[in-house]
Amino acid sequence: MIEDAKLRELFKAESEEHLQHLDDALLRLEKTPADQALLEEAFREAHSLKGAARMLSLAGIQTPAHRIEEGLN
């Protein structure tokens, strides 16, 4: 749990944005699985989410984000 309320709200907003972009990219990848740029976009979103979670010691978010990143790699 993030103790600092401002940091918690910032992480929440940022992670929701990363998850929405990741979701959008994955849905588009279903239609065009050979789109390398789209795959890289999804990878970056997972990577950014993982990095933010790691900085805040949120293993419950970092670990699944890392697994998604590995799957996209």
C-alpha atoms as a PDB file:
ATOM      1  CA  MET A   1       0.000   0.000   0.000  1.00  0.00           C
ATOM      2  CA  ILE A   2       1.260   3.443  -0.901  1.00  0.00           C
ATOM      3  CA  GLU A   3       1.158   5.576   2.234  1.00  0.00           C
ATOM      4  CA  ASP A   4       1.449   8.993   0.577  1.00  0.00           C
ATOM      5  CA  ALA A   5      -2.037   9.970  -0.631  1.00  0.00           C
ATOM      6  CA  LYS A   6      -0.809  12.160  -3.502  1.00  0.00           C
ATOM      7  CA  LEU A   7       1.585   9.490  -4.729  1.00  0.00           C
ATOM      8  CA  ARG A   8      -1.138   6.852  -4.442  1.00  0.00           C
ATOM      9  CA  GLU A   9      -3.553   8.936  -6.539  1.00  0.00           C
ATOM     10  CA  LEU A  10      -0.853   9.672  -9.102  1.00  0.00           C
ATOM     11  CA  PHE A  11       0.029   5.987  -9.408  1.00  0.00           C
ATOM     12  CA  LYS A  12      -3.646   5.053  -9.663  1.00  0.00           C
ATOM     13  CA  ALA A  13      -4.281   7.536 -12.471  1.00  0.00           C
ATOM     14  CA  GLU A  14      -1.101   6.594 -14.324  1.00  0.00           C
ATOM     15  CA  SER A  15      -1.663   2.854 -14.012  1.00  0.00           C
ATOM     16  CA  GLU A  16      -5.277   3.156 -15.172  1.00  0.00           C
ATOM     17  CA  GLU A  17      -4.002   4.960 -18.259  1.00  0.00           C
ATOM     18  CA  HIS A  18      -1.368   2.283 -18.943  1.00  0.00           C
ATOM     19  CA  LEU A  19      -3.948  -0.470 -18.501  1.00  0.00           C
ATOM     20  CA  GLN A  20      -6.418   1.224 -20.837  1.00  0.00           C
ATOM     21  CA  HIS A  21      -3.757   1.685 -23.521  1.00  0.00           C
ATOM     22  CA  LEU A  22      -2.598  -1.902 -23.056  1.00  0.00           C
ATOM     23  CA  ASP A  23      -6.160  -3.183 -23.334  1.00  0.00           C
ATOM     24  CA  ASP A  24      -6.746  -1.145 -26.494  1.00  0.00           C
ATOM     25  CA  ALA A  25      -3.509  -2.376 -28.049  1.00  0.00           C
ATOM     26  CA  LEU A  26      -4.291  -6.016 -27.252  1.00  0.00           C
ATOM     27  CA  LEU A  27      -7.757  -5.728 -28.753  1.00  0.00           C
ATOM     28  CA  ARG A  28      -6.296  -4.239 -31.926  1.00  0.00           C
ATOM     29  CA  LEU A  29      -3.632  -6.968 -32.004  1.00  0.00           C
ATOM     30  CA  GLU A  30      -6.409  -9.553 -32.174  1.00  0.00           C
ATOM     31  CA  LYS A  31      -7.388  -8.051 -35.516  1.00  0.00           C
ATOM     32  CA  THR A  32      -3.858  -7.445 -36.826  1.00  0.00           C
ATOM     33  CA  PRO A  33      -1.491  -9.818 -35.009  1.00  0.00           C
ATOM     34  CA  ALA A  34       1.399  -9.113 -37.393  1.00  0.00           C
ATOM     35  CA  ASP A  35       1.446  -5.380 -36.570  1.00  0.00           C
ATOM     36  CA  GLN A  36       4.906  -4.943 -35.030  1.00  0.00           C
ATOM     37  CA  ALA A  37       4.347  -1.308 -34.031  1.00  0.00           C
ATOM     38  CA  LEU A  38       1.208  -2.272 -32.149  1.00  0.00           C
ATOM     39  CA  LEU A  39       3.024  -5.097 -30.398  1.00  0.00           C
ATOM     40  CA  GLU A  40       5.760  -2.671 -29.351  1.00  0.00           C
ATOM     41  CA  GLU A  41       3.130  -0.229 -28.071  1.00  0.00           C
ATOM     42  CA  ALA A  42       1.567  -2.937 -25.888  1.00  0.00           C
ATOM     43  CA  PHE A  43       5.022  -3.955 -24.649  1.00  0.00           C
ATOM     44  CA  ARG A  44       5.856  -0.346 -23.673  1.00  0.00           C
ATOM     45  CA  GLU A  45       2.632   0.013 -21.702  1.00  0.00           C
ATOM     46  CA  ALA A  46       3.306  -3.203 -19.766  1.00  0.00           C
ATOM     47  CA  HIS A  47       6.920  -2.157 -19.235  1.00  0.00           C
ATOM     48  CA  SER A  48       5.933   1.279 -17.930  1.00  0.00           C
ATOM     49  CA  LEU A  49       3.376  -0.209 -15.554  1.00  0.00           C
ATOM     50  CA  LYS A  50       5.950  -2.711 -14.301  1.00  0.00           C
ATOM     51  CA  GLY A  51       8.544   0.003 -13.752  1.00  0.00           C
ATOM     52  CA  ALA A  52       6.196   2.272 -11.818  1.00  0.00           C
ATOM     53  CA  ALA A  53       5.070  -0.633  -9.639  1.00  0.00           C
ATOM     54  CA  ARG A  54       8.681  -1.652  -9.008  1.00  0.00           C
ATOM     55  CA  MET A  55       9.623   1.870  -7.895  1.00  0.00           C
ATOM     56  CA  LEU A  56       6.824   1.750  -5.336  1.00  0.00           C
ATOM     57  CA  SER A  57       7.525  -1.856  -4.241  1.00  0.00           C
ATOM     58  CA  LEU A  58       4.134  -3.081  -5.453  1.00  0.00           C
ATOM     59  CA  ALA A  59       5.018  -6.688  -6.281  1.00  0.00           C
ATOM     60  CA  GLY A  60       1.344  -7.609  -6.712  1.00  0.00           C
ATOM     61  CA  ILE A  61       1.268  -5.335  -9.754  1.00  0.00           C
ATOM     62  CA  GLN A  62       4.881  -5.633 -10.838  1.00  0.00           C
ATOM     63  CA  THR A  63       4.831  -9.420 -11.193  1.00  0.00           C
ATOM     64  CA  PRO A  64       1.801  -9.744 -13.505  1.00  0.00           C
ATOM     65  CA  ALA A  65       2.960  -6.723 -15.530  1.00  0.00           C
ATOM     66  CA  HIS A  66       6.331  -8.448 -15.958  1.00  0.00           C
ATOM     67  CA  ARG A  67       4.606 -11.632 -17.119  1.00  0.00           C
ATOM     68  CA  ILE A  68       2.576  -9.693 -19.681  1.00  0.00           C
ATOM     69  CA  GLU A  69       5.751  -7.983 -20.846  1.00  0.00           C
ATOM     70  CA  GLU A  70       7.501 -11.359 -21.217  1.00  0.00           C
ATOM     71  CA  GLY A  71       4.563 -12.732 -23.194  1.00  0.00           C
ATOM     72  CA  LEU A  72       4.685  -9.812 -25.579  1.00  0.00           C
ATOM     73  CA  ASN A  73       8.432 -10.137 -25.977  1.00  0.00           C
END
